[in-house]
């Protein structure tokens, strides 16, 4: 297997404890261990990460931006998911 045949991996970096992992980019590597090492070298050169995830791109299932309206339309008819019509009582600091 040559490097042009290596699978594509998606890289997620957590910059500090308590924060979520965010997508940093992609890279090609022959296996998970080398993908993790390459991700460390490529995406955390200045010490900006405390945790890395590498995921084979083939394992990710995603919706298509072209199908945005029909895919997300069922969520639009559930206004109770967004508390925009609740009044917050005075004196309540963190709700």
N, C-alpha and C. Protein backbone atom coordinates (compact mmCIF):
# COMPACT_ATOMS: atom_id res chain seq x y z
N UNK A 1 0.85 -1.18 0.00
CA UNK A 1 0.00 0.00 0.00
C UNK A 1 0.89 1.24 0.00
N UNK A 2 0.68 2.13 -0.93
CA UNK A 2 1.44 3.37 -0.98
C UNK A 2 0.69 4.46 -0.22
N UNK A 3 1.39 5.56 0.05
CA UNK A 3 0.75 6.64 0.82
C UNK A 3 -0.46 7.23 0.11
N UNK A 4 -0.55 7.07 -1.22
CA UNK A 4 -1.72 7.57 -1.93
C UNK A 4 -2.94 6.68 -1.71
N UNK A 5 -2.73 5.46 -1.22
CA UNK A 5 -3.83 4.54 -0.95
C UNK A 5 -4.26 4.55 0.53
N UNK A 6 -3.56 5.30 1.36
CA UNK A 6 -3.88 5.32 2.78
C UNK A 6 -5.26 5.92 3.01
N UNK A 7 -5.97 5.41 4.00
CA UNK A 7 -7.30 5.96 4.28
C UNK A 7 -7.22 7.39 4.83
N UNK A 8 -8.32 8.10 4.66
CA UNK A 8 -8.44 9.47 5.14
C UNK A 8 -8.98 9.45 6.57
N UNK A 9 -8.39 10.25 7.45
CA UNK A 9 -8.79 10.35 8.85
C UNK A 9 -9.21 11.78 9.15
N UNK A 10 -10.26 11.95 9.93
CA UNK A 10 -10.69 13.27 10.39
C UNK A 10 -10.11 13.49 11.79
N UNK A 11 -9.60 14.68 12.03
CA UNK A 11 -8.91 14.99 13.28
C UNK A 11 -9.73 16.00 14.09
N UNK A 12 -9.92 15.68 15.37
CA UNK A 12 -10.64 16.56 16.30
C UNK A 12 -9.70 16.87 17.46
N UNK A 13 -9.62 18.15 17.83
CA UNK A 13 -8.72 18.60 18.88
C UNK A 13 -9.52 19.26 20.00
N UNK A 14 -9.18 18.92 21.24
CA UNK A 14 -9.72 19.65 22.40
C UNK A 14 -8.60 20.56 22.87
N UNK A 15 -8.84 21.86 22.84
CA UNK A 15 -7.77 22.81 23.15
C UNK A 15 -7.51 22.95 24.64
N UNK A 16 -8.56 22.81 25.47
CA UNK A 16 -8.40 22.88 26.93
C UNK A 16 -9.38 21.94 27.58
N UNK A 17 -9.09 21.57 28.80
CA UNK A 17 -10.01 20.72 29.55
C UNK A 17 -11.35 21.43 29.71
N UNK A 18 -12.43 20.66 29.58
CA UNK A 18 -13.76 21.23 29.73
C UNK A 18 -14.36 21.73 28.44
N UNK A 19 -13.56 21.89 27.40
CA UNK A 19 -14.08 22.31 26.11
C UNK A 19 -14.38 21.09 25.25
N UNK A 20 -15.16 21.29 24.23
CA UNK A 20 -15.48 20.21 23.30
C UNK A 20 -14.36 20.02 22.29
N UNK A 21 -14.27 18.83 21.74
CA UNK A 21 -13.37 18.60 20.62
C UNK A 21 -13.95 19.33 19.40
N UNK A 22 -13.09 19.93 18.61
CA UNK A 22 -13.53 20.59 17.38
C UNK A 22 -12.75 20.01 16.21
N UNK A 23 -13.38 20.01 15.05
CA UNK A 23 -12.74 19.46 13.86
C UNK A 23 -11.58 20.37 13.46
N UNK A 24 -10.40 19.78 13.33
CA UNK A 24 -9.21 20.55 12.98
C UNK A 24 -8.81 20.35 11.52
N UNK A 25 -9.16 19.20 10.96
CA UNK A 25 -8.78 18.93 9.58
C UNK A 25 -8.73 17.44 9.30
N UNK A 26 -8.06 17.10 8.22
CA UNK A 26 -7.98 15.72 7.78
C UNK A 26 -6.55 15.36 7.44
N UNK A 27 -6.25 14.07 7.45
CA UNK A 27 -4.94 13.59 7.02
C UNK A 27 -5.04 12.15 6.56
N UNK A 28 -4.05 11.71 5.81
CA UNK A 28 -3.97 10.32 5.36
C UNK A 28 -2.95 9.59 6.22
N UNK A 29 -3.29 8.37 6.63
CA UNK A 29 -2.36 7.55 7.42
C UNK A 29 -2.76 6.08 7.24
N UNK A 30 -1.80 5.16 7.38
CA UNK A 30 -2.11 3.74 7.16
C UNK A 30 -2.92 3.10 8.29
N UNK A 31 -2.82 3.64 9.53
CA UNK A 31 -3.55 3.05 10.65
C UNK A 31 -3.84 4.12 11.70
N UNK A 32 -4.62 3.75 12.72
CA UNK A 32 -5.05 4.71 13.74
C UNK A 32 -3.88 5.26 14.54
N UNK A 33 -2.93 4.42 14.89
CA UNK A 33 -1.79 4.88 15.69
C UNK A 33 -0.98 5.94 14.97
N UNK A 34 -0.68 5.69 13.70
CA UNK A 34 0.08 6.67 12.93
C UNK A 34 -0.76 7.91 12.65
N UNK A 35 -2.06 7.75 12.47
CA UNK A 35 -2.94 8.90 12.27
C UNK A 35 -2.90 9.79 13.51
N UNK A 36 -2.92 9.19 14.69
CA UNK A 36 -2.88 9.95 15.94
C UNK A 36 -1.55 10.69 16.09
N UNK A 37 -0.46 10.02 15.79
CA UNK A 37 0.86 10.67 15.87
C UNK A 37 1.00 11.81 14.86
N UNK A 38 0.54 11.56 13.63
CA UNK A 38 0.61 12.60 12.60
C UNK A 38 -0.29 13.78 12.96
N UNK A 39 -1.46 13.49 13.53
CA UNK A 39 -2.37 14.56 13.95
C UNK A 39 -1.72 15.41 15.03
N UNK A 40 -1.05 14.77 15.97
CA UNK A 40 -0.34 15.50 17.03
C UNK A 40 0.70 16.43 16.41
N UNK A 41 1.49 15.90 15.49
CA UNK A 41 2.56 16.69 14.88
C UNK A 41 2.02 17.81 14.00
N UNK A 42 0.91 17.56 13.34
CA UNK A 42 0.38 18.52 12.38
C UNK A 42 -0.53 19.58 13.02
N UNK A 43 -1.37 19.17 13.98
CA UNK A 43 -2.40 20.08 14.48
C UNK A 43 -2.16 20.60 15.89
N UNK A 44 -1.11 20.14 16.57
CA UNK A 44 -0.85 20.65 17.93
C UNK A 44 0.62 21.03 18.09
N UNK A 45 1.20 21.61 17.09
CA UNK A 45 2.62 21.97 17.10
C UNK A 45 2.97 22.99 18.17
N UNK A 46 2.04 23.85 18.50
CA UNK A 46 2.31 24.91 19.48
C UNK A 46 1.68 24.62 20.83
N UNK A 47 1.38 23.36 21.10
CA UNK A 47 0.83 22.98 22.39
C UNK A 47 -0.61 23.40 22.59
N UNK A 48 -1.38 23.56 21.51
CA UNK A 48 -2.74 24.03 21.64
C UNK A 48 -3.76 22.95 21.98
N UNK A 49 -3.32 21.71 22.15
CA UNK A 49 -4.28 20.64 22.43
C UNK A 49 -3.98 19.86 23.69
N UNK A 50 -5.04 19.35 24.33
CA UNK A 50 -4.87 18.44 25.47
C UNK A 50 -5.41 17.06 25.14
N UNK A 51 -6.14 16.94 24.02
CA UNK A 51 -6.71 15.65 23.62
C UNK A 51 -6.95 15.66 22.12
N UNK A 52 -6.73 14.50 21.51
CA UNK A 52 -6.95 14.34 20.07
C UNK A 52 -7.84 13.14 19.82
N UNK A 53 -8.71 13.26 18.84
CA UNK A 53 -9.46 12.12 18.30
C UNK A 53 -9.12 12.02 16.83
N UNK A 54 -8.91 10.81 16.34
CA UNK A 54 -8.82 10.56 14.91
C UNK A 54 -9.89 9.53 14.56
N UNK A 55 -10.63 9.81 13.53
CA UNK A 55 -11.76 8.96 13.13
C UNK A 55 -11.64 8.70 11.64
N UNK A 56 -11.76 7.43 11.23
CA UNK A 56 -11.74 7.19 9.78
C UNK A 56 -12.90 7.94 9.11
N UNK A 57 -12.60 8.65 8.06
CA UNK A 57 -13.64 9.39 7.35
C UNK A 57 -14.76 8.49 6.89
N UNK A 58 -14.42 7.25 6.57
CA UNK A 58 -15.44 6.30 6.09
C UNK A 58 -16.42 5.91 7.19
N UNK A 59 -16.09 6.18 8.47
CA UNK A 59 -16.98 5.85 9.58
C UNK A 59 -17.97 6.97 9.89
N UNK A 60 -17.84 8.10 9.22
CA UNK A 60 -18.71 9.25 9.49
C UNK A 60 -19.87 9.25 8.50
N UNK A 61 -21.06 9.37 9.04
CA UNK A 61 -22.26 9.52 8.22
C UNK A 61 -22.77 10.93 8.42
N UNK A 62 -22.99 11.65 7.35
CA UNK A 62 -23.37 13.06 7.46
C UNK A 62 -24.56 13.37 6.58
N UNK A 63 -25.31 14.38 6.97
CA UNK A 63 -26.40 14.86 6.13
C UNK A 63 -25.80 15.74 5.03
N UNK A 64 -26.55 15.92 3.98
CA UNK A 64 -26.10 16.73 2.86
C UNK A 64 -26.63 18.15 3.00
N UNK A 65 -25.79 19.17 2.79
CA UNK A 65 -26.29 20.55 2.85
C UNK A 65 -27.39 20.81 1.82
N UNK A 66 -27.38 20.07 0.72
CA UNK A 66 -28.42 20.24 -0.30
C UNK A 66 -29.78 19.78 0.19
N UNK A 67 -29.81 18.89 1.18
CA UNK A 67 -31.07 18.37 1.71
C UNK A 67 -31.43 19.03 3.03
N UNK A 68 -30.89 20.21 3.30
CA UNK A 68 -31.08 20.88 4.58
C UNK A 68 -32.55 21.08 4.92
N UNK A 69 -33.32 21.64 4.00
CA UNK A 69 -34.72 21.94 4.30
C UNK A 69 -35.55 20.70 4.61
N UNK A 70 -35.56 19.68 3.76
CA UNK A 70 -36.38 18.51 4.11
C UNK A 70 -35.85 17.72 5.30
N UNK A 71 -34.54 17.72 5.50
CA UNK A 71 -33.96 16.93 6.58
C UNK A 71 -34.26 17.53 7.95
N UNK A 72 -34.14 18.86 8.07
CA UNK A 72 -34.31 19.52 9.36
C UNK A 72 -35.72 20.05 9.58
N UNK A 73 -36.60 19.95 8.60
CA UNK A 73 -37.96 20.48 8.73
C UNK A 73 -38.73 19.89 9.91
N UNK A 74 -38.64 18.59 10.22
CA UNK A 74 -39.40 18.06 11.36
C UNK A 74 -39.08 18.75 12.68
N UNK A 75 -37.90 19.28 12.85
CA UNK A 75 -37.54 19.95 14.10
C UNK A 75 -38.19 21.33 14.22
N UNK A 76 -38.59 21.91 13.10
CA UNK A 76 -39.16 23.25 13.12
C UNK A 76 -40.54 23.30 13.78
N UNK A 77 -41.24 22.17 13.82
CA UNK A 77 -42.59 22.18 14.39
C UNK A 77 -42.59 21.82 15.88
N UNK A 78 -41.47 21.94 16.54
CA UNK A 78 -41.36 21.64 17.98
C UNK A 78 -40.84 22.87 18.71
N UNK A 79 -41.68 23.90 18.88
CA UNK A 79 -41.19 25.14 19.50
C UNK A 79 -40.78 24.96 20.96
N UNK A 80 -41.26 23.91 21.60
CA UNK A 80 -40.91 23.71 23.00
C UNK A 80 -39.43 23.38 23.19
N UNK A 81 -38.73 23.06 22.12
CA UNK A 81 -37.29 22.77 22.23
C UNK A 81 -36.47 24.03 22.45
N UNK A 82 -37.04 25.17 22.12
CA UNK A 82 -36.34 26.44 22.27
C UNK A 82 -37.13 27.31 23.24
N UNK A 83 -36.59 27.60 24.40
CA UNK A 83 -37.34 28.34 25.43
C UNK A 83 -37.43 29.83 25.15
N UNK A 84 -37.87 30.20 23.96
CA UNK A 84 -37.95 31.61 23.61
C UNK A 84 -39.22 32.27 24.13
N UNK A 85 -40.21 31.49 24.53
CA UNK A 85 -41.47 32.08 24.97
C UNK A 85 -41.67 32.00 26.48
N UNK A 86 -40.64 31.57 27.21
CA UNK A 86 -40.70 31.54 28.67
C UNK A 86 -40.20 32.87 29.22
N UNK A 87 -40.85 33.33 30.27
CA UNK A 87 -40.36 34.51 30.96
C UNK A 87 -39.53 34.04 32.15
N UNK A 88 -38.35 34.59 32.28
CA UNK A 88 -37.48 34.21 33.39
C UNK A 88 -37.84 35.10 34.59
N UNK A 89 -38.18 34.48 35.72
CA UNK A 89 -38.54 35.27 36.89
C UNK A 89 -37.37 36.13 37.37
N UNK A 90 -37.72 37.27 37.87
CA UNK A 90 -36.69 38.20 38.37
C UNK A 90 -35.99 37.54 39.57
N UNK A 91 -34.73 37.69 39.64
CA UNK A 91 -33.97 37.11 40.73
C UNK A 91 -33.35 35.76 40.40
N UNK A 92 -33.79 35.14 39.32
CA UNK A 92 -33.20 33.88 38.89
C UNK A 92 -31.96 34.21 38.07
N UNK A 93 -30.82 33.79 38.56
CA UNK A 93 -29.58 34.17 37.90
C UNK A 93 -29.14 33.18 36.83
N UNK A 94 -29.25 31.91 37.11
CA UNK A 94 -28.76 30.89 36.17
C UNK A 94 -29.88 29.87 35.94
N UNK A 95 -30.43 29.90 34.78
CA UNK A 95 -31.51 28.97 34.46
C UNK A 95 -31.10 28.07 33.34
